[in-house]
Amino acid sequence: MRRRFEQEDEGWEEKQKPEGISRGEMTGAVMAGASLLYGLMQDDLPVIFLTASFLFWQLRVFTVAFGPKKARIVKNVLQGLCLSLFVGAVILLFL
């Protein structure tokens, strides 16, 4: 029984590696970039925070280049930054 679980876990790390950015993610990043430019031109801080949050979230795909240990740290930092920017955008929206 234990051996079967070990064999199943061997390919787990390979399945977790991202293959790259899909077309939908790329389209979302382009739209977020356009929204970011709009927010910068109109001085709309919640839009800037929200789109920056999404763009930082998209950067998680490129953390594979840092190696397995550093990639995990960088992903966690990006996730925390994205979450704080999103919460900040929601708070600023209601102020």
C-alpha atoms as a PDB file:
ATOM      1  CA  MET A   1       0.000   0.000   0.000  1.00  0.00           C
ATOM      2  CA  ARG A   2       2.736   2.454   0.925  1.00  0.00           C
ATOM      3  CA  ARG A   3       4.674   1.723  -2.236  1.00  0.00           C
ATOM      4  CA  ARG A   4       1.699   2.655  -4.397  1.00  0.00           C
ATOM      5  CA  PHE A   5       1.465   6.100  -2.780  1.00  0.00           C
ATOM      6  CA  GLU A   6       5.199   6.675  -3.227  1.00  0.00           C
ATOM      7  CA  GLN A   7       4.910   5.903  -6.933  1.00  0.00           C
ATOM      8  CA  GLU A   8       1.988   8.296  -7.286  1.00  0.00           C
ATOM      9  CA  ASP A   9       3.910  11.065  -5.498  1.00  0.00           C
ATOM     10  CA  GLU A  10       6.943  10.761  -7.778  1.00  0.00           C
ATOM     11  CA  GLY A  11       5.237  12.565 -10.658  1.00  0.00           C
ATOM     12  CA  TRP A  12       3.539  15.126  -8.441  1.00  0.00           C
ATOM     13  CA  GLU A  13       6.232  17.788  -8.750  1.00  0.00           C
ATOM     14  CA  GLU A  14       6.272  17.488 -12.536  1.00  0.00           C
ATOM     15  CA  LYS A  15       2.512  18.028 -12.663  1.00  0.00           C
ATOM     16  CA  GLN A  16       2.807  21.153 -10.500  1.00  0.00           C
ATOM     17  CA  LYS A  17       5.236  22.918 -12.836  1.00  0.00           C
ATOM     18  CA  PRO A  18       3.486  25.529 -14.967  1.00  0.00           C
ATOM     19  CA  GLU A  19       3.839  25.089 -18.713  1.00  0.00           C
ATOM     20  CA  GLY A  20       3.627  28.782 -19.435  1.00  0.00           C
ATOM     21  CA  ILE A  21       0.985  31.404 -19.878  1.00  0.00           C
ATOM     22  CA  SER A  22      -2.162  30.339 -21.701  1.00  0.00           C
ATOM     23  CA  ARG A  23      -3.960  32.543 -24.212  1.00  0.00           C
ATOM     24  CA  GLY A  24      -6.625  33.470 -21.686  1.00  0.00           C
ATOM     25  CA  GLU A  25      -4.032  34.504 -19.114  1.00  0.00           C
ATOM     26  CA  MET A  26      -2.168  36.527 -21.724  1.00  0.00           C
ATOM     27  CA  THR A  27      -5.396  38.244 -22.777  1.00  0.00           C
ATOM     28  CA  GLY A  28      -6.160  39.021 -19.142  1.00  0.00           C
ATOM     29  CA  ALA A  29      -2.673  40.445 -18.645  1.00  0.00           C
ATOM     30  CA  VAL A  30      -3.039  42.680 -21.718  1.00  0.00           C
ATOM     31  CA  MET A  31      -6.438  43.905 -20.521  1.00  0.00           C
ATOM     32  CA  ALA A  32      -5.040  44.503 -17.022  1.00  0.00           C
ATOM     33  CA  GLY A  33      -2.167  46.462 -18.554  1.00  0.00           C
ATOM     34  CA  ALA A  34      -4.611  48.603 -20.508  1.00  0.00           C
ATOM     35  CA  SER A  35      -6.683  49.131 -17.344  1.00  0.00           C
ATOM     36  CA  LEU A  36      -3.512  50.061 -15.466  1.00  0.00           C
ATOM     37  CA  LEU A  37      -2.701  52.706 -18.060  1.00  0.00           C
ATOM     38  CA  TYR A  38      -6.270  54.023 -17.818  1.00  0.00           C
ATOM     39  CA  GLY A  39      -5.994  54.171 -14.027  1.00  0.00           C
ATOM     40  CA  LEU A  40      -2.698  56.031 -14.268  1.00  0.00           C
ATOM     41  CA  MET A  41      -4.124  58.568 -16.722  1.00  0.00           C
ATOM     42  CA  GLN A  42      -7.271  59.147 -14.649  1.00  0.00           C
ATOM     43  CA  ASP A  43      -5.499  59.021 -11.238  1.00  0.00           C
ATOM     44  CA  ASP A  44      -7.857  56.240 -10.117  1.00  0.00           C
ATOM     45  CA  LEU A  45      -5.968  54.580  -7.256  1.00  0.00           C
ATOM     46  CA  PRO A  46      -8.293  51.571  -6.707  1.00  0.00           C
ATOM     47  CA  VAL A  47      -8.026  50.610 -10.389  1.00  0.00           C
ATOM     48  CA  ILE A  48      -4.251  50.936 -10.233  1.00  0.00           C
ATOM     49  CA  PHE A  49      -4.083  48.713  -7.139  1.00  0.00           C
ATOM     50  CA  LEU A  50      -6.456  46.121  -8.602  1.00  0.00           C
ATOM     51  CA  THR A  51      -4.688  45.822 -11.945  1.00  0.00           C
ATOM     52  CA  ALA A  52      -1.243  45.836 -10.336  1.00  0.00           C
ATOM     53  CA  SER A  53      -2.440  43.032  -8.083  1.00  0.00           C
ATOM     54  CA  PHE A  54      -3.489  40.964 -11.090  1.00  0.00           C
ATOM     55  CA  LEU A  55      -0.262  41.652 -12.973  1.00  0.00           C
ATOM     56  CA  PHE A  56       1.839  40.607  -9.966  1.00  0.00           C
ATOM     57  CA  TRP A  57      -0.268  37.457  -9.764  1.00  0.00           C
ATOM     58  CA  GLN A  58       0.650  36.681 -13.375  1.00  0.00           C
ATOM     59  CA  LEU A  59       4.361  36.962 -12.539  1.00  0.00           C
ATOM     60  CA  ARG A  60       4.119  33.759 -10.500  1.00  0.00           C
ATOM     61  CA  VAL A  61       4.588  31.750 -13.706  1.00  0.00           C
ATOM     62  CA  PHE A  62       8.089  33.120 -14.171  1.00  0.00           C
ATOM     63  CA  THR A  63       9.319  32.142 -10.702  1.00  0.00           C
ATOM     64  CA  VAL A  64      10.406  28.742 -12.035  1.00  0.00           C
ATOM     65  CA  ALA A  65      13.632  30.397 -13.180  1.00  0.00           C
ATOM     66  CA  PHE A  66      14.706  30.955  -9.556  1.00  0.00           C
ATOM     67  CA  GLY A  67      15.007  27.245  -8.767  1.00  0.00           C
ATOM     68  CA  PRO A  68      12.759  25.131  -6.551  1.00  0.00           C
ATOM     69  CA  LYS A  69      13.571  26.628  -3.129  1.00  0.00           C
ATOM     70  CA  LYS A  70      13.762  30.288  -4.115  1.00  0.00           C
ATOM     71  CA  ALA A  71      10.747  29.979  -6.422  1.00  0.00           C
ATOM     72  CA  ARG A  72       8.562  28.990  -3.498  1.00  0.00           C
ATOM     73  CA  ILE A  73       9.717  32.004  -1.483  1.00  0.00           C
ATOM     74  CA  VAL A  74       9.195  34.386  -4.399  1.00  0.00           C
ATOM     75  CA  LYS A  75       5.733  32.906  -5.090  1.00  0.00           C
ATOM     76  CA  ASN A  76       4.752  33.453  -1.463  1.00  0.00           C
ATOM     77  CA  VAL A  77       5.992  37.051  -1.549  1.00  0.00           C
ATOM     78  CA  LEU A  78       4.088  37.728  -4.772  1.00  0.00           C
ATOM     79  CA  GLN A  79       0.960  36.119  -3.340  1.00  0.00           C
ATOM     80  CA  GLY A  80       1.153  38.291  -0.218  1.00  0.00           C
ATOM     81  CA  LEU A  81       1.716  41.408  -2.298  1.00  0.00           C
ATOM     82  CA  CYS A  82      -1.233  40.549  -4.556  1.00  0.00           C
ATOM     83  CA  LEU A  83      -3.517  39.935  -1.618  1.00  0.00           C
ATOM     84  CA  SER A  84      -2.542  43.178   0.124  1.00  0.00           C
ATOM     85  CA  LEU A  85      -2.980  45.206  -3.089  1.00  0.00           C
ATOM     86  CA  PHE A  86      -6.403  43.646  -3.684  1.00  0.00           C
ATOM     87  CA  VAL A  87      -7.574  44.359  -0.129  1.00  0.00           C
ATOM     88  CA  GLY A  88      -6.206  47.895  -0.436  1.00  0.00           C
ATOM     89  CA  ALA A  89      -8.128  48.391  -3.682  1.00  0.00           C
ATOM     90  CA  VAL A  90     -11.371  47.253  -2.038  1.00  0.00           C
ATOM     91  CA  ILE A  91     -10.816  49.527   0.966  1.00  0.00           C
ATOM     92  CA  LEU A  92     -10.000  52.516  -1.246  1.00  0.00           C
ATOM     93  CA  LEU A  93     -13.076  51.834  -3.327  1.00  0.00           C
ATOM     94  CA  PHE A  94     -15.366  52.418  -0.347  1.00  0.00           C
ATOM     95  CA  LEU A  95     -13.560  55.490   1.025  1.00  0.00           C
END
